[in-house]
Amino acid sequence: YSAGLYRAFPNTMTLQDQTILYLDPFINYFTNKDFKHSLRSRYFYTKNSLTDSTNNESNVAYSEYQLTKQLNPWLHITGGLIMNQTYSNSGIAYNGILPENHLQNFAGYAQTDMKLWKILNLSLGSRYESFIMNDEKAISKPIFRSGFNLKLSEGTFLRGSYGQGYRFPTITEKYIHSDIGGLAIYPNPGLLPESSWNAEIGVKQGFSLKKFIGYVEAAFFWQEYKNTIEFTFG
């Protein structure tokens, strides 16, 4: 008797065997001049074997070098370099020539944090991103962020921030080609990177009521996107 049973839509259910391996070596080195050197890296391997023959595997190698220093009691600096390499072999991410894809990401960043007059915290940073997928032309973009926190009086704080965002399409988003139970998923090799910006202004007020201490906070937030990446029906 099977009336009323919830069933998977025909041709949508698959069985999967997954293999995952990752290594996270890192090292921190402190000098006698208060410099901190950090080297973080990761190797990540994943392999998926599925009953519908859409097997796939990927290798990801990530490394980041970061340098930080407290220059004086009110000034702290941070800088770094990043490299990320992704190799993918998937029957559903087909670039028109081979099921093999390669995504490279290189970035550099710097940030300054300041504490002034014991009442004002300032932060200013920038990051430069560069992406290369397969043999396509490299796409690069700088992004910026800034923020402040000002103590107006005892228990009263005013804060504000502005930041930019940037995201390059993944291999799957550009090249996936598959179907699930009659629902077809098509690639978009001309997909453009997504960018955004956001701003916020807020005030926080502390209060004390007998044995209770609390905060009341109000904020205004605004964010805009350009070339938003999302799956759509068509």
Protein backbone atom coordinates (compact mmCIF):
# COMPACT_ATOMS: atom_id res chain seq x y z
CA TYR A 1 0.00 0.00 0.00
CA SER A 2 1.70 3.20 -1.18
CA ALA A 3 -1.05 5.81 -1.41
CA GLY A 4 -0.11 9.11 0.25
CA LEU A 5 3.61 8.37 0.48
CA TYR A 6 6.06 11.17 -0.23
CA ARG A 7 8.31 10.05 -3.06
CA ALA A 8 11.27 11.60 -4.82
CA PHE A 9 10.41 12.99 -8.25
CA PRO A 10 11.49 10.49 -10.95
CA ASN A 11 15.21 10.67 -11.85
CA THR A 12 16.02 13.12 -9.04
CA MET A 13 17.41 10.76 -6.38
CA THR A 14 21.06 9.77 -6.48
CA LEU A 15 23.40 7.93 -4.12
CA GLN A 16 26.77 9.47 -3.38
CA ASP A 17 30.11 8.34 -2.03
CA GLN A 18 32.26 11.28 -0.91
CA THR A 19 35.94 11.43 -0.08
CA ILE A 20 37.37 14.51 1.68
CA LEU A 21 40.93 15.31 2.66
CA TYR A 22 42.33 18.56 4.03
CA LEU A 23 45.60 19.75 5.53
CA ASP A 24 46.00 23.07 7.37
CA PRO A 25 49.68 23.84 8.04
CA PHE A 26 50.46 27.24 9.59
CA ILE A 27 53.25 29.10 11.32
CA ASN A 28 53.41 32.28 13.43
CA TYR A 29 56.70 34.09 13.99
CA PHE A 30 57.23 37.02 16.37
CA THR A 31 60.29 39.26 16.08
CA ASN A 32 61.95 41.32 18.79
CA LYS A 33 60.59 44.47 17.11
CA ASP A 34 56.96 43.46 17.71
CA PHE A 35 56.35 42.27 14.16
CA LYS A 36 54.11 39.25 13.78
CA HIS A 37 54.53 37.11 10.65
CA SER A 38 51.80 34.57 9.90
CA LEU A 39 51.74 31.98 7.14
CA ARG A 40 48.49 30.04 6.79
CA SER A 41 47.77 27.47 4.11
CA ARG A 42 45.27 24.77 3.23
CA TYR A 43 45.09 21.88 0.82
CA PHE A 44 41.55 20.61 0.29
CA TYR A 45 40.59 17.61 -1.84
CA THR A 46 37.10 16.32 -2.47
CA LYS A 47 35.79 13.54 -4.71
CA ASN A 48 32.13 12.70 -5.27
CA SER A 49 31.07 9.43 -6.91
CA LEU A 50 27.38 9.45 -7.84
CA THR A 51 25.08 6.82 -9.29
CA ASP A 52 23.95 9.17 -12.08
CA SER A 53 27.51 9.31 -13.54
CA THR A 54 28.01 13.01 -12.69
CA ASN A 55 31.21 12.25 -10.82
CA ASN A 56 33.41 15.18 -9.89
CA GLU A 57 36.58 15.98 -7.97
CA SER A 58 38.46 19.13 -7.07
CA ASN A 59 41.77 20.23 -5.59
CA VAL A 60 42.07 23.57 -3.78
CA ALA A 61 45.39 25.05 -2.64
CA TYR A 62 45.24 28.21 -0.50
CA SER A 63 48.02 30.22 1.13
CA GLU A 64 48.10 33.56 2.95
CA TYR A 65 50.97 35.58 4.37
CA GLN A 66 50.08 38.28 6.91
CA LEU A 67 52.22 40.90 8.65
CA THR A 68 50.99 42.88 11.67
CA LYS A 69 52.64 45.44 13.93
CA GLN A 70 51.63 47.77 16.74
CA LEU A 71 53.57 50.87 15.70
CA ASN A 72 52.66 52.80 18.86
CA PRO A 73 49.84 52.80 21.46
CA TRP A 74 47.39 54.37 19.01
CA LEU A 75 48.34 52.89 15.60
CA HIS A 76 48.15 49.27 14.42
CA ILE A 77 48.80 48.08 10.85
CA THR A 78 47.97 44.84 9.02
CA GLY A 79 48.94 43.71 5.52
CA GLY A 80 48.96 40.49 3.56
CA LEU A 81 49.07 38.52 0.34
CA ILE A 82 46.75 35.69 -0.73
CA MET A 83 46.92 33.01 -3.42
CA ASN A 84 44.15 30.52 -4.15
CA GLN A 85 44.25 27.82 -6.85
CA THR A 86 41.25 25.61 -7.69
CA TYR A 87 41.40 22.64 -10.09
CA SER A 88 38.10 20.98 -10.93
CA ASN A 89 37.16 17.97 -13.03
CA SER A 90 33.43 17.56 -13.36
CA GLY A 91 31.11 16.21 -16.01
CA ILE A 92 28.48 18.83 -15.14
CA ALA A 93 30.83 21.84 -15.29
CA TYR A 94 31.78 21.77 -18.96
CA ASN A 95 33.59 24.79 -20.41
CA GLY A 96 32.93 23.82 -24.03
CA ILE A 97 36.28 22.08 -24.53
CA LEU A 98 37.01 19.90 -21.50
CA PRO A 99 35.34 19.09 -18.17
CA GLU A 100 38.50 20.41 -16.52
CA ASN A 101 38.53 23.95 -15.12
CA HIS A 102 41.11 26.06 -13.31
CA LEU A 103 40.35 29.15 -11.20
CA GLN A 104 43.13 31.37 -9.84
CA ASN A 105 42.73 34.14 -7.27
CA PHE A 106 45.46 36.56 -6.17
CA ALA A 107 44.92 39.35 -3.66
CA GLY A 108 46.77 41.86 -1.52
CA TYR A 109 45.36 43.87 1.37
CA ALA A 110 46.29 46.46 3.98
CA GLN A 111 44.47 47.94 6.95
CA THR A 112 45.19 50.65 9.52
CA ASP A 113 43.48 50.86 12.92
CA MET A 114 43.82 53.96 15.09
CA LYS A 115 42.73 54.89 18.63
CA LEU A 116 42.66 58.65 19.17
CA TRP A 117 42.09 60.69 22.34
CA LYS A 118 40.63 57.61 24.09
CA ILE A 119 37.24 58.31 22.51
CA LEU A 120 37.65 57.65 18.76
CA ASN A 121 38.46 54.41 16.93
CA LEU A 122 39.17 54.65 13.18
CA SER A 123 39.69 51.87 10.66
CA LEU A 124 40.70 52.15 7.00
CA GLY A 125 41.51 49.29 4.67
CA SER A 126 41.85 48.30 1.04
CA ARG A 127 42.11 45.04 -0.90
CA TYR A 128 43.04 44.34 -4.52
CA GLU A 129 41.54 41.22 -6.11
CA SER A 130 42.52 39.48 -9.35
CA PHE A 131 40.79 36.40 -10.83
CA ILE A 132 41.70 34.22 -13.80
CA MET A 133 39.48 31.34 -14.96
CA ASN A 134 40.97 28.90 -17.45
CA ASP A 135 42.54 30.88 -20.31
CA GLU A 136 40.26 33.91 -19.93
CA LYS A 137 41.54 37.42 -19.42
CA ALA A 138 42.31 38.34 -15.82
CA ILE A 139 39.68 40.47 -14.06
CA SER A 140 40.91 42.75 -11.27
CA LYS A 141 39.29 45.24 -8.93
CA PRO A 142 40.23 47.25 -5.82
CA ILE A 143 37.78 47.45 -2.92
CA PHE A 144 37.78 49.70 0.16
CA ARG A 145 36.35 49.74 3.65
CA SER A 146 36.31 52.26 6.51
CA GLY A 147 34.65 52.72 9.87
CA PHE A 148 34.62 54.73 13.07
CA ASN A 149 33.33 54.50 16.63
CA LEU A 150 33.06 57.73 18.64
CA LYS A 151 32.34 57.97 22.36
CA LEU A 152 30.07 61.01 22.71
CA SER A 153 29.63 60.71 26.48
CA GLU A 154 29.64 58.08 29.18
CA GLY A 155 27.56 55.23 27.75
CA THR A 156 26.79 56.98 24.42
CA PHE A 157 28.51 55.82 21.23
CA LEU A 158 28.15 56.87 17.59
CA ARG A 159 29.39 54.54 14.87
CA GLY A 160 29.51 54.47 11.09
CA SER A 161 30.99 52.34 8.33
CA TYR A 162 31.31 52.06 4.58
CA GLY A 163 32.48 48.98 2.71
CA GLN A 164 32.65 47.51 -0.78
CA GLY A 165 32.29 43.87 -1.83
CA TYR A 166 33.36 41.91 -4.89
CA ARG A 167 32.69 38.28 -5.87
CA PHE A 168 33.86 36.43 -8.94
CA PRO A 169 31.59 33.66 -10.33
CA THR A 170 32.46 30.13 -9.28
CA ILE A 171 33.24 27.39 -11.80
CA THR A 172 29.82 25.86 -11.16
CA GLU A 173 27.97 29.14 -11.68
CA LYS A 174 29.62 29.71 -15.06
CA TYR A 175 29.76 26.21 -16.50
CA ILE A 176 27.27 23.88 -14.82
CA HIS A 177 25.16 21.91 -17.29
CA SER A 178 22.84 19.30 -15.87
CA ASP A 179 19.24 18.18 -15.49
CA ILE A 180 17.33 16.91 -12.48
CA GLY A 181 14.10 15.10 -13.17
CA GLY A 182 13.36 17.15 -16.29
CA LEU A 183 14.54 20.45 -14.78
CA ALA A 184 17.42 21.61 -16.96
CA ILE A 185 20.27 23.73 -15.59
CA TYR A 186 22.21 25.71 -18.21
CA PRO A 187 25.65 27.36 -18.05
CA ASN A 188 26.33 31.08 -18.35
CA PRO A 189 29.97 31.45 -19.49
CA GLY A 190 29.53 35.22 -19.92
CA LEU A 191 28.59 35.75 -16.26
CA LEU A 192 30.10 38.96 -14.86
CA PRO A 193 31.53 39.45 -11.36
CA GLU A 194 29.19 40.71 -8.65
CA SER A 195 29.98 43.92 -6.77
CA SER A 196 28.29 45.77 -3.94
CA TRP A 197 28.62 48.53 -1.39
CA ASN A 198 27.06 49.12 2.02
CA ALA A 199 26.90 51.92 4.54
CA GLU A 200 25.70 52.09 8.14
CA ILE A 201 25.25 54.74 10.80
CA GLY A 202 24.13 53.95 14.32
CA VAL A 203 24.02 55.18 17.91
CA LYS A 204 24.13 53.13 21.10
CA GLN A 205 23.01 54.42 24.48
CA GLY A 206 23.73 52.67 27.74
CA PHE A 207 21.49 52.94 30.79
CA SER A 208 21.44 51.79 34.41
CA LEU A 209 18.24 50.96 36.26
CA LYS A 210 18.79 49.88 39.86
CA LYS A 211 20.73 46.60 39.50
CA PHE A 212 20.21 46.32 35.76
CA ILE A 213 22.55 47.63 33.05
CA GLY A 214 21.54 47.62 29.38
CA TYR A 215 21.84 49.29 25.99
CA VAL A 216 19.41 50.81 23.52
CA GLU A 217 20.61 50.92 19.92
CA ALA A 218 19.29 52.39 16.65
CA ALA A 219 20.91 52.03 13.23
CA PHE A 220 20.30 52.76 9.55
CA PHE A 221 21.75 50.36 7.00
CA TRP A 222 21.84 50.56 3.18
CA GLN A 223 23.27 48.07 0.66
CA GLU A 224 23.29 47.93 -3.13
CA TYR A 225 24.35 45.19 -5.56
CA LYS A 226 25.45 45.28 -9.20
CA ASN A 227 25.37 42.20 -11.46
CA THR A 228 23.91 40.08 -8.66
CA ILE A 229 24.63 36.38 -9.23
CA GLU A 230 21.68 34.08 -8.66
CA PHE A 231 19.96 31.12 -10.25
CA THR A 232 16.84 32.12 -12.20
CA PHE A 233 14.03 30.28 -13.97
CA GLY A 234 13.55 31.03 -17.64
